[in-house]
Amino acid sequence: MITKLEHPVVKDIYCWESLLSDCSKLSTFVGRIEKITKNIKEVDEKEENEWFHLSGKKNAMKFKGDVFEVFCELLVRLSPIDDRIGITDYHVVTDGDTGVDGYGKMRDGSPATVQIKYRMWDWELKAIREHLNNFRLTSFMKHDIDPQATQGQMLIITTGKEIHWKTLETQFLKGSVRCISLNASYGCLRGGKQHTIDSLYSLKTIVNDNAYFWEKFRELTRKDV
């Protein structure tokens, strides 16, 4: 049972109640992130604000990424036996931007890594622009993922559209990376299954109207936790 979120920024975000009150859909959550981000941008960097421990345009962008990383921590930790994610013993990387945001184990005990990207809904993730080569190399060098592995041990979670096809071809072996985006997924269905109207899933289909997820999110971000 999850009793505490591991990500150190949880305490630095002051507006969890505004983000999560009566929230049951990803679109609502993202809309609130965007609204609060605009407010943070307008505050001088030297001044304090009521939403985040930092102010100003640059730090408003950090706010977006931090909130989404906490969201993804909970999502992964609640999904160890869910085929769509299936990562156990998940931990957040806290020692700077190394290209990997979290790591754990696949259900067969092999290592797994996670990269998290908060982007606009139509954004395509490209290798150089998104530093996805760092994700790949750090997964190999620091987290012992076999460079030849094709079991989807690297997972990208994003609010963007997808990984660009050229990035998939040049940076990742076929089957080595999985992606769950706002409206779709890539490489997550096992056993040769194809996407159908019944099997297609995304961040939206996982969390929309998922009462347990949103209630647990509210519980773990309360000020008294």
C-alpha atoms as a PDB file:
ATOM      1  CA  MET A   1       0.000   0.000   0.000  1.00  0.00           C
ATOM      2  CA  ILE A   2       1.302   3.453  -0.914  1.00  0.00           C
ATOM      3  CA  THR A   3       1.366   5.715   2.146  1.00  0.00           C
ATOM      4  CA  LYS A   4       3.672   8.458   0.869  1.00  0.00           C
ATOM      5  CA  LEU A   5       4.872   9.893  -2.427  1.00  0.00           C
ATOM      6  CA  GLU A   6       8.643   9.738  -2.896  1.00  0.00           C
ATOM      7  CA  HIS A   7       9.176  12.735  -5.178  1.00  0.00           C
ATOM      8  CA  PRO A   8      10.886  15.551  -3.196  1.00  0.00           C
ATOM      9  CA  VAL A   9       8.966  18.331  -5.004  1.00  0.00           C
ATOM     10  CA  VAL A  10       5.617  17.339  -3.475  1.00  0.00           C
ATOM     11  CA  LYS A  11       6.222  19.748  -0.588  1.00  0.00           C
ATOM     12  CA  ASP A  12       7.305  22.545  -2.963  1.00  0.00           C
ATOM     13  CA  ILE A  13       3.946  22.610  -4.744  1.00  0.00           C
ATOM     14  CA  TYR A  14       1.488  24.601  -2.637  1.00  0.00           C
ATOM     15  CA  CYS A  15      -1.595  24.293  -4.827  1.00  0.00           C
ATOM     16  CA  TRP A  16      -2.433  20.589  -4.793  1.00  0.00           C
ATOM     17  CA  GLU A  17      -5.951  21.294  -3.603  1.00  0.00           C
ATOM     18  CA  SER A  18      -6.549  23.682  -6.509  1.00  0.00           C
ATOM     19  CA  LEU A  19      -5.164  21.109  -8.938  1.00  0.00           C
ATOM     20  CA  LEU A  20      -7.054  18.098  -7.622  1.00  0.00           C
ATOM     21  CA  SER A  21     -10.289  19.201  -5.948  1.00  0.00           C
ATOM     22  CA  ASP A  22     -13.211  17.404  -7.658  1.00  0.00           C
ATOM     23  CA  CYS A  23     -10.843  16.348 -10.460  1.00  0.00           C
ATOM     24  CA  SER A  24     -11.624  13.087 -12.250  1.00  0.00           C
ATOM     25  CA  LYS A  25     -10.338  13.688 -15.792  1.00  0.00           C
ATOM     26  CA  LEU A  26      -6.916  14.305 -17.266  1.00  0.00           C
ATOM     27  CA  SER A  27      -8.173  17.270 -19.319  1.00  0.00           C
ATOM     28  CA  THR A  28      -9.312  19.005 -16.127  1.00  0.00           C
ATOM     29  CA  PHE A  29      -5.977  18.354 -14.445  1.00  0.00           C
ATOM     30  CA  VAL A  30      -3.925  19.597 -17.422  1.00  0.00           C
ATOM     31  CA  GLY A  31      -6.161  22.663 -17.788  1.00  0.00           C
ATOM     32  CA  ARG A  32      -5.537  23.589 -14.165  1.00  0.00           C
ATOM     33  CA  ILE A  33      -1.777  23.111 -14.573  1.00  0.00           C
ATOM     34  CA  GLU A  34      -1.816  25.485 -17.539  1.00  0.00           C
ATOM     35  CA  LYS A  35      -3.884  28.096 -15.698  1.00  0.00           C
ATOM     36  CA  ILE A  36      -1.625  28.097 -12.630  1.00  0.00           C
ATOM     37  CA  THR A  37       1.485  28.135 -14.843  1.00  0.00           C
ATOM     38  CA  LYS A  38       0.301  31.396 -16.413  1.00  0.00           C
ATOM     39  CA  ASN A  39      -0.118  32.895 -12.953  1.00  0.00           C
ATOM     40  CA  ILE A  40       3.376  31.846 -11.861  1.00  0.00           C
ATOM     41  CA  LYS A  41       4.884  33.367 -15.020  1.00  0.00           C
ATOM     42  CA  GLU A  42       3.530  36.795 -14.086  1.00  0.00           C
ATOM     43  CA  VAL A  43       5.237  36.861 -10.674  1.00  0.00           C
ATOM     44  CA  ASP A  44       8.735  38.326 -10.508  1.00  0.00           C
ATOM     45  CA  GLU A  45      11.383  35.679  -9.799  1.00  0.00           C
ATOM     46  CA  LYS A  46      12.338  37.481  -6.571  1.00  0.00           C
ATOM     47  CA  GLU A  47       8.795  37.396  -5.228  1.00  0.00           C
ATOM     48  CA  GLU A  48       6.903  34.552  -3.603  1.00  0.00           C
ATOM     49  CA  ASN A  49       3.684  33.096  -4.949  1.00  0.00           C
ATOM     50  CA  GLU A  50       0.879  30.940  -3.564  1.00  0.00           C
ATOM     51  CA  TRP A  51       1.259  28.046  -6.018  1.00  0.00           C
ATOM     52  CA  PHE A  52       4.923  27.025  -6.133  1.00  0.00           C
ATOM     53  CA  HIS A  53       8.192  27.605  -4.268  1.00  0.00           C
ATOM     54  CA  LEU A  54       9.653  29.455  -7.282  1.00  0.00           C
ATOM     55  CA  SER A  55       8.351  32.279  -9.481  1.00  0.00           C
ATOM     56  CA  GLY A  56       8.884  33.642 -12.976  1.00  0.00           C
ATOM     57  CA  LYS A  57       8.679  32.333 -16.532  1.00  0.00           C
ATOM     58  CA  LYS A  58      11.485  29.762 -16.339  1.00  0.00           C
ATOM     59  CA  ASN A  59      10.247  28.361 -13.053  1.00  0.00           C
ATOM     60  CA  ALA A  60       6.672  28.211 -14.343  1.00  0.00           C
ATOM     61  CA  MET A  61       7.912  25.655 -16.872  1.00  0.00           C
ATOM     62  CA  LYS A  62       9.555  23.735 -14.033  1.00  0.00           C
ATOM     63  CA  PHE A  63       6.215  23.730 -12.214  1.00  0.00           C
ATOM     64  CA  LYS A  64       4.553  21.930 -15.129  1.00  0.00           C
ATOM     65  CA  GLY A  65       7.206  19.242 -15.268  1.00  0.00           C
ATOM     66  CA  ASP A  66       7.305  18.736 -11.503  1.00  0.00           C
ATOM     67  CA  VAL A  67       3.541  18.329 -11.159  1.00  0.00           C
ATOM     68  CA  PHE A  68       3.446  15.810 -13.998  1.00  0.00           C
ATOM     69  CA  GLU A  69       6.360  13.839 -12.550  1.00  0.00           C
ATOM     70  CA  VAL A  70       4.436  13.434  -9.301  1.00  0.00           C
ATOM     71  CA  PHE A  71       1.346  12.377 -11.264  1.00  0.00           C
ATOM     72  CA  CYS A  72       3.436   9.751 -13.077  1.00  0.00           C
ATOM     73  CA  GLU A  73       5.060   8.486  -9.889  1.00  0.00           C
ATOM     74  CA  LEU A  74       1.645   7.635  -8.506  1.00  0.00           C
ATOM     75  CA  LEU A  75       0.476   6.169 -11.819  1.00  0.00           C
ATOM     76  CA  VAL A  76       3.461   3.809 -12.073  1.00  0.00           C
ATOM     77  CA  ARG A  77       3.414   2.799  -8.409  1.00  0.00           C
ATOM     78  CA  LEU A  78      -0.292   1.948  -8.610  1.00  0.00           C
ATOM     79  CA  SER A  79       0.201  -0.211 -11.715  1.00  0.00           C
ATOM     80  CA  PRO A  80       2.694  -3.017 -10.993  1.00  0.00           C
ATOM     81  CA  ILE A  81       0.363  -5.755 -12.288  1.00  0.00           C
ATOM     82  CA  ASP A  82      -1.170  -3.688 -15.075  1.00  0.00           C
ATOM     83  CA  ASP A  83       0.146  -4.934 -18.444  1.00  0.00           C
ATOM     84  CA  ARG A  84       0.153  -1.394 -19.783  1.00  0.00           C
ATOM     85  CA  ILE A  85       2.820  -0.311 -17.268  1.00  0.00           C
ATOM     86  CA  GLY A  86       3.864  -3.333 -15.208  1.00  0.00           C
ATOM     87  CA  ILE A  87       6.818  -1.814 -13.317  1.00  0.00           C
ATOM     88  CA  THR A  88       7.457  -2.840  -9.711  1.00  0.00           C
ATOM     89  CA  ASP A  89       9.707  -1.404  -6.984  1.00  0.00           C
ATOM     90  CA  TYR A  90       9.552   2.039  -8.632  1.00  0.00           C
ATOM     91  CA  HIS A  91      11.773   4.872  -7.402  1.00  0.00           C
ATOM     92  CA  VAL A  92      12.170   8.507  -8.453  1.00  0.00           C
ATOM     93  CA  VAL A  93      15.579   9.756  -9.605  1.00  0.00           C
ATOM     94  CA  THR A  94      16.472  12.755  -7.449  1.00  0.00           C
ATOM     95  CA  ASP A  95      20.129  13.438  -8.335  1.00  0.00           C
ATOM     96  CA  GLY A  96      19.628  15.932 -11.155  1.00  0.00           C
ATOM     97  CA  ASP A  97      18.595  15.614 -14.800  1.00  0.00           C
ATOM     98  CA  THR A  98      20.353  12.450 -15.954  1.00  0.00           C
ATOM     99  CA  GLY A  99      17.880  11.487 -18.681  1.00  0.00           C
ATOM    100  CA  VAL A 100      16.003   8.994 -16.509  1.00  0.00           C
ATOM    101  CA  ASP A 101      13.208  10.195 -14.205  1.00  0.00           C
ATOM    102  CA  GLY A 102      12.440   6.905 -12.497  1.00  0.00           C
ATOM    103  CA  TYR A 103      13.476   3.269 -12.385  1.00  0.00           C
ATOM    104  CA  GLY A 104      12.214  -0.074 -11.173  1.00  0.00           C
ATOM    105  CA  LYS A 105      11.814  -3.651 -12.316  1.00  0.00           C
ATOM    106  CA  MET A 106       9.755  -5.418 -14.903  1.00  0.00           C
ATOM    107  CA  ARG A 107       7.654  -8.251 -13.553  1.00  0.00           C
ATOM    108  CA  ASP A 108      10.307 -10.771 -14.637  1.00  0.00           C
ATOM    109  CA  GLY A 109      12.860  -8.947 -12.473  1.00  0.00           C
ATOM    110  CA  SER A 110      14.737  -7.218 -15.310  1.00  0.00           C
ATOM    111  CA  PRO A 111      15.468  -3.475 -14.890  1.00  0.00           C
ATOM    112  CA  ALA A 112      13.097  -0.797 -16.174  1.00  0.00           C
ATOM    113  CA  THR A 113      13.438   2.963 -16.620  1.00  0.00           C
ATOM    114  CA  VAL A 114      10.929   5.776 -17.084  1.00  0.00           C
ATOM    115  CA  GLN A 115      11.207   9.151 -18.819  1.00  0.00           C
ATOM    116  CA  ILE A 116       8.462  11.743 -18.242  1.00  0.00           C
ATOM    117  CA  LYS A 117       7.657  14.588 -20.647  1.00  0.00           C
ATOM    118  CA  TYR A 118       4.983  17.252 -20.100  1.00  0.00           C
ATOM    119  CA  ARG A 119       4.190  18.611 -23.566  1.00  0.00           C
ATOM    120  CA  MET A 120       1.277  20.049 -25.533  1.00  0.00           C
ATOM    121  CA  TRP A 121      -1.252  17.562 -26.924  1.00  0.00           C
ATOM    122  CA  ASP A 122       0.038  17.767 -30.537  1.00  0.00           C
ATOM    123  CA  TRP A 123       3.760  17.629 -29.699  1.00  0.00           C
ATOM    124  CA  GLU A 124       5.934  14.938 -31.322  1.00  0.00           C
ATOM    125  CA  LEU A 125       8.910  13.823 -29.227  1.00  0.00           C
ATOM    126  CA  LYS A 126      12.147  13.973 -31.220  1.00  0.00           C
ATOM    127  CA  ALA A 127      15.501  12.580 -30.118  1.00  0.00           C
ATOM    128  CA  ILE A 128      17.687  15.702 -30.078  1.00  0.00           C
ATOM    129  CA  ARG A 129      15.034  18.199 -29.006  1.00  0.00           C
ATOM    130  CA  GLU A 130      13.855  15.998 -26.123  1.00  0.00           C
ATOM    131  CA  HIS A 131      17.289  14.546 -25.230  1.00  0.00           C
ATOM    132  CA  LEU A 132      15.895  11.045 -25.664  1.00  0.00           C
ATOM    133  CA  ASN A 133      19.402   9.826 -26.500  1.00  0.00           C
ATOM    134  CA  ASN A 134      20.263  10.640 -22.864  1.00  0.00           C
ATOM    135  CA  PHE A 135      17.346   8.494 -21.712  1.00  0.00           C
ATOM    136  CA  ARG A 136      18.579   5.592 -23.802  1.00  0.00           C
ATOM    137  CA  LEU A 137      22.253   5.889 -22.819  1.00  0.00           C
ATOM    138  CA  THR A 138      21.562   6.411 -19.114  1.00  0.00           C
ATOM    139  CA  SER A 139      19.228   3.411 -19.132  1.00  0.00           C
ATOM    140  CA  PHE A 140      22.071   1.306 -20.532  1.00  0.00           C
ATOM    141  CA  MET A 141      24.964   2.712 -18.498  1.00  0.00           C
ATOM    142  CA  LYS A 142      23.428   3.444 -15.081  1.00  0.00           C
ATOM    143  CA  HIS A 143      20.454   1.114 -14.890  1.00  0.00           C
ATOM    144  CA  ASP A 144      21.826  -2.035 -16.513  1.00  0.00           C
ATOM    145  CA  ILE A 145      19.348  -2.308 -19.356  1.00  0.00           C
ATOM    146  CA  ASP A 146      20.751  -4.519 -22.089  1.00  0.00           C
ATOM    147  CA  PRO A 147      21.309  -2.408 -25.266  1.00  0.00           C
ATOM    148  CA  GLN A 148      19.922  -5.325 -27.280  1.00  0.00           C
ATOM    149  CA  ALA A 149      16.820  -5.807 -25.103  1.00  0.00           C
ATOM    150  CA  THR A 150      13.483  -5.688 -26.915  1.00  0.00           C
ATOM    151  CA  GLN A 151      11.150  -6.236 -23.961  1.00  0.00           C
ATOM    152  CA  GLY A 152       9.982  -2.641 -23.578  1.00  0.00           C
ATOM    153  CA  GLN A 153      12.073  -1.967 -20.488  1.00  0.00           C
ATOM    154  CA  MET A 154      12.212   1.769 -21.265  1.00  0.00           C
ATOM    155  CA  LEU A 155       8.878   3.556 -20.805  1.00  0.00           C
ATOM    156  CA  ILE A 156       8.106   7.138 -21.872  1.00  0.00           C
ATOM    157  CA  ILE A 157       5.031   8.824 -20.412  1.00  0.00           C
ATOM    158  CA  THR A 158       3.959  12.110 -22.004  1.00  0.00           C
ATOM    159  CA  THR A 159       1.059  14.498 -22.395  1.00  0.00           C
ATOM    160  CA  GLY A 160       2.297  15.013 -25.964  1.00  0.00           C
ATOM    161  CA  LYS A 161       1.149  13.231 -29.111  1.00  0.00           C
ATOM    162  CA  GLU A 162       3.756  10.523 -29.727  1.00  0.00           C
ATOM    163  CA  ILE A 163       7.412   9.685 -30.322  1.00  0.00           C
ATOM    164  CA  HIS A 164       8.401  10.759 -33.835  1.00  0.00           C
ATOM    165  CA  TRP A 165       8.809   7.758 -36.132  1.00  0.00           C
ATOM    166  CA  LYS A 166      12.381   8.716 -37.055  1.00  0.00           C
ATOM    167  CA  THR A 167      13.374   8.830 -33.386  1.00  0.00           C
ATOM    168  CA  LEU A 168      11.948   5.351 -32.909  1.00  0.00           C
ATOM    169  CA  GLU A 169      13.977   4.100 -35.871  1.00  0.00           C
ATOM    170  CA  THR A 170      17.288   5.749 -34.975  1.00  0.00           C
ATOM    171  CA  GLN A 171      17.341   5.769 -31.166  1.00  0.00           C
ATOM    172  CA  PHE A 172      15.500   2.656 -30.057  1.00  0.00           C
ATOM    173  CA  LEU A 173      15.602  -0.966 -31.164  1.00  0.00           C
ATOM    174  CA  LYS A 174      12.205  -2.275 -32.174  1.00  0.00           C
ATOM    175  CA  GLY A 175      10.419  -3.253 -28.969  1.00  0.00           C
ATOM    176  CA  SER A 176      12.945  -1.632 -26.608  1.00  0.00           C
ATOM    177  CA  VAL A 177      10.816   1.403 -25.740  1.00  0.00           C
ATOM    178  CA  ARG A 178       7.167   1.831 -24.864  1.00  0.00           C
ATOM    179  CA  CYS A 179       5.218   5.085 -24.855  1.00  0.00           C
ATOM    180  CA  ILE A 180       1.957   6.125 -23.235  1.00  0.00           C
ATOM    181  CA  SER A 181       0.790   9.531 -24.456  1.00  0.00           C
ATOM    182  CA  LEU A 182      -2.261  11.693 -23.940  1.00  0.00           C
ATOM    183  CA  ASN A 183      -4.417   9.945 -26.533  1.00  0.00           C
ATOM    184  CA  ALA A 184      -2.495   6.843 -27.616  1.00  0.00           C
ATOM    185  CA  SER A 185       0.176   4.296 -26.766  1.00  0.00           C
ATOM    186  CA  TYR A 186       3.036   2.542 -28.488  1.00  0.00           C
ATOM    187  CA  GLY A 187       4.616  -0.863 -27.857  1.00  0.00           C
ATOM    188  CA  CYS A 188       2.672  -1.585 -24.681  1.00  0.00           C
ATOM    189  CA  LEU A 189       0.342  -4.327 -25.878  1.00  0.00           C
ATOM    190  CA  ARG A 190       1.968  -7.723 -25.506  1.00  0.00           C
ATOM    191  CA  GLY A 191       1.447 -11.064 -27.202  1.00  0.00           C
ATOM    192  CA  GLY A 192       1.141  -9.630 -30.697  1.00  0.00           C
ATOM    193  CA  LYS A 193      -2.141  -7.875 -29.968  1.00  0.00           C
ATOM    194  CA  GLN A 194      -3.160  -5.117 -32.352  1.00  0.00           C
ATOM    195  CA  HIS A 195      -4.869  -1.864 -31.440  1.00  0.00           C
ATOM    196  CA  THR A 196      -8.635  -2.111 -31.798  1.00  0.00           C
ATOM    197  CA  ILE A 197     -11.482   0.081 -30.617  1.00  0.00           C
ATOM    198  CA  ASP A 198     -11.535  -2.058 -27.470  1.00  0.00           C
ATOM    199  CA  SER A 199      -7.807  -2.342 -26.811  1.00  0.00           C
ATOM    200  CA  LEU A 200      -6.580   1.196 -27.611  1.00  0.00           C
ATOM    201  CA  TYR A 201      -5.619   3.035 -24.472  1.00  0.00           C
ATOM    202  CA  SER A 202      -3.827   6.176 -23.386  1.00  0.00           C
ATOM    203  CA  LEU A 203      -3.276   8.336 -20.329  1.00  0.00           C
ATOM    204  CA  LYS A 204      -6.882   9.438 -20.734  1.00  0.00           C
ATOM    205  CA  THR A 205      -8.348   5.936 -20.755  1.00  0.00           C
ATOM    206  CA  ILE A 206      -6.217   4.920 -17.756  1.00  0.00           C
ATOM    207  CA  VAL A 207      -7.089   7.815 -15.417  1.00  0.00           C
ATOM    208  CA  ASN A 208     -10.345   9.380 -16.642  1.00  0.00           C
ATOM    209  CA  ASP A 209     -13.090   8.631 -14.104  1.00  0.00           C
ATOM    210  CA  ASN A 210     -10.663   6.401 -12.198  1.00  0.00           C
ATOM    211  CA  ALA A 211     -12.011   7.280  -8.767  1.00  0.00           C
ATOM    212  CA  TYR A 212      -9.347   5.367  -6.849  1.00  0.00           C
ATOM    213  CA  PHE A 213      -6.464   7.093  -8.654  1.00  0.00           C
ATOM    214  CA  TRP A 214      -7.736  10.628  -8.105  1.00  0.00           C
ATOM    215  CA  GLU A 215      -8.765  10.005  -4.490  1.00  0.00           C
ATOM    216  CA  LYS A 216      -5.351   8.503  -3.730  1.00  0.00           C
ATOM    217  CA  PHE A 217      -3.687  11.494  -5.418  1.00  0.00           C
ATOM    218  CA  ARG A 218      -5.673  13.892  -3.207  1.00  0.00           C
ATOM    219  CA  GLU A 219      -4.921  11.834  -0.100  1.00  0.00           C
ATOM    220  CA  LEU A 220      -1.148  11.728  -0.672  1.00  0.00           C
ATOM    221  CA  THR A 221      -0.796  15.440  -1.464  1.00  0.00           C
ATOM    222  CA  ARG A 222      -2.762  16.802   1.492  1.00  0.00           C
ATOM    223  CA  LYS A 223      -0.778  19.269   3.610  1.00  0.00           C
ATOM    224  CA  ASP A 224      -1.006  17.064   6.679  1.00  0.00           C
ATOM    225  CA  VAL A 225       0.547  13.993   4.998  1.00  0.00           C
END
